[in-house]
Amino acid sequence: MTDRRVVQQKIRPLQAVEFVPHLAKCEPVYKAEEDAYHIWYSKTPSGKKRSKFMGGEDDDESGKKEKKKGKKKK
């Protein structure tokens, strides 16, 4: 947003029509790219910390626990 538009916002609030031309120029994010990003991020230290904070487990840990449970049942 331009400085002029920020000042005008007090008088004339933003409208959805103002976003359409700019959003139309953006390249889309495809599902496969988004999934690849989430897989990569979950393996980083920040992603592991976030997963632990949110109460979930990362894919590697849950897979290890399932294997251990399976061995005990036999």
C-alpha atoms as a PDB file:
ATOM      1  CA  MET A   1       0.000   0.000   0.000  1.00  0.00           C
ATOM      2  CA  THR A   2       1.222   3.477  -0.742  1.00  0.00           C
ATOM      3  CA  ASP A   3       1.659   6.082   1.971  1.00  0.00           C
ATOM      4  CA  ARG A   4      -1.098   8.127   0.370  1.00  0.00           C
ATOM      5  CA  ARG A   5      -3.513   5.184   0.566  1.00  0.00           C
ATOM      6  CA  VAL A   6      -2.654   4.546   4.212  1.00  0.00           C
ATOM      7  CA  VAL A   7      -3.614   8.144   5.029  1.00  0.00           C
ATOM      8  CA  GLN A   8      -6.822   7.838   2.996  1.00  0.00           C
ATOM      9  CA  GLN A   9      -7.780   4.670   4.842  1.00  0.00           C
ATOM     10  CA  LYS A  10      -9.138   6.716   7.735  1.00  0.00           C
ATOM     11  CA  ILE A  11     -11.607   8.371   5.391  1.00  0.00           C
ATOM     12  CA  ARG A  12     -12.162   5.579   2.854  1.00  0.00           C
ATOM     13  CA  PRO A  13     -11.602   1.989   4.136  1.00  0.00           C
ATOM     14  CA  LEU A  14     -10.069  -0.651   1.899  1.00  0.00           C
ATOM     15  CA  GLN A  15     -12.389  -2.572  -0.392  1.00  0.00           C
ATOM     16  CA  ALA A  16     -11.970  -6.010  -1.966  1.00  0.00           C
ATOM     17  CA  VAL A  17     -12.021  -4.421  -5.436  1.00  0.00           C
ATOM     18  CA  GLU A  18      -8.654  -2.813  -4.677  1.00  0.00           C
ATOM     19  CA  PHE A  19      -6.998  -6.214  -4.166  1.00  0.00           C
ATOM     20  CA  VAL A  20      -8.244  -8.038  -7.276  1.00  0.00           C
ATOM     21  CA  PRO A  21      -5.812  -6.549  -9.859  1.00  0.00           C
ATOM     22  CA  HIS A  22      -2.809  -7.242  -7.634  1.00  0.00           C
ATOM     23  CA  LEU A  23      -3.900 -10.764  -6.727  1.00  0.00           C
ATOM     24  CA  ALA A  24      -4.532 -11.542 -10.398  1.00  0.00           C
ATOM     25  CA  LYS A  25      -0.837 -10.903 -11.110  1.00  0.00           C
ATOM     26  CA  CYS A  26       0.361 -13.382  -8.441  1.00  0.00           C
ATOM     27  CA  GLU A  27       1.367 -16.878  -9.461  1.00  0.00           C
ATOM     28  CA  PRO A  28      -0.701 -19.608  -7.791  1.00  0.00           C
ATOM     29  CA  VAL A  29       0.731 -21.982  -5.207  1.00  0.00           C
ATOM     30  CA  TYR A  30      -0.035 -25.525  -6.301  1.00  0.00           C
ATOM     31  CA  LYS A  31      -1.038 -28.226  -3.813  1.00  0.00           C
ATOM     32  CA  ALA A  32       2.050 -30.343  -4.594  1.00  0.00           C
ATOM     33  CA  GLU A  33       4.356 -27.383  -3.884  1.00  0.00           C
ATOM     34  CA  GLU A  34       2.548 -26.605  -0.650  1.00  0.00           C
ATOM     35  CA  ASP A  35       2.748 -30.232   0.509  1.00  0.00           C
ATOM     36  CA  ALA A  36       6.475 -30.378  -0.338  1.00  0.00           C
ATOM     37  CA  TYR A  37       7.025 -27.215   1.694  1.00  0.00           C
ATOM     38  CA  HIS A  38       5.150 -28.604   4.720  1.00  0.00           C
ATOM     39  CA  ILE A  39       7.148 -31.858   4.590  1.00  0.00           C
ATOM     40  CA  TRP A  40      10.418 -29.929   4.364  1.00  0.00           C
ATOM     41  CA  TYR A  41       9.438 -27.500   7.137  1.00  0.00           C
ATOM     42  CA  SER A  42       8.438 -30.314   9.490  1.00  0.00           C
ATOM     43  CA  LYS A  43      12.032 -31.596   9.305  1.00  0.00           C
ATOM     44  CA  THR A  44      13.637 -28.271  10.273  1.00  0.00           C
ATOM     45  CA  PRO A  45      14.388 -27.385  13.910  1.00  0.00           C
ATOM     46  CA  SER A  46      11.731 -24.651  13.829  1.00  0.00           C
ATOM     47  CA  GLY A  47       9.160 -27.038  12.372  1.00  0.00           C
ATOM     48  CA  LYS A  48       9.903 -29.685  14.997  1.00  0.00           C
ATOM     49  CA  LYS A  49       9.623 -27.077  17.760  1.00  0.00           C
ATOM     50  CA  ARG A  50       6.300 -25.824  16.361  1.00  0.00           C
ATOM     51  CA  SER A  51       4.955 -29.357  16.061  1.00  0.00           C
ATOM     52  CA  LYS A  52       5.919 -30.102  19.657  1.00  0.00           C
ATOM     53  CA  PHE A  53       4.348 -26.839  20.839  1.00  0.00           C
ATOM     54  CA  MET A  54       1.113 -27.526  18.956  1.00  0.00           C
ATOM     55  CA  GLY A  55       0.892 -30.953  20.576  1.00  0.00           C
ATOM     56  CA  GLY A  56       1.441 -33.000  17.424  1.00  0.00           C
ATOM     57  CA  GLU A  57       4.215 -35.359  16.536  1.00  0.00           C
ATOM     58  CA  ASP A  58       6.326 -35.169  13.423  1.00  0.00           C
ATOM     59  CA  ASP A  59       6.001 -37.983  10.882  1.00  0.00           C
ATOM     60  CA  ASP A  60       9.292 -39.673  11.793  1.00  0.00           C
ATOM     61  CA  GLU A  61       8.483 -39.995  15.496  1.00  0.00           C
ATOM     62  CA  SER A  62       4.961 -41.326  15.017  1.00  0.00           C
ATOM     63  CA  GLY A  63       6.255 -43.946  12.587  1.00  0.00           C
ATOM     64  CA  LYS A  64       8.890 -45.120  15.094  1.00  0.00           C
ATOM     65  CA  LYS A  65       6.330 -45.442  17.886  1.00  0.00           C
ATOM     66  CA  GLU A  66       3.984 -47.487  15.713  1.00  0.00           C
ATOM     67  CA  LYS A  67       6.812 -49.880  14.815  1.00  0.00           C
ATOM     68  CA  LYS A  68       7.723 -50.299  18.493  1.00  0.00           C
ATOM     69  CA  LYS A  69       4.118 -51.032  19.406  1.00  0.00           C
ATOM     70  CA  GLY A  70       3.896 -53.584  16.613  1.00  0.00           C
ATOM     71  CA  LYS A  71       6.987 -55.428  17.871  1.00  0.00           C
ATOM     72  CA  LYS A  72       5.630 -55.654  21.419  1.00  0.00           C
ATOM     73  CA  LYS A  73       2.351 -57.180  20.264  1.00  0.00           C
ATOM     74  CA  LYS A  74       4.060 -60.122  18.554  1.00  0.00           C
END
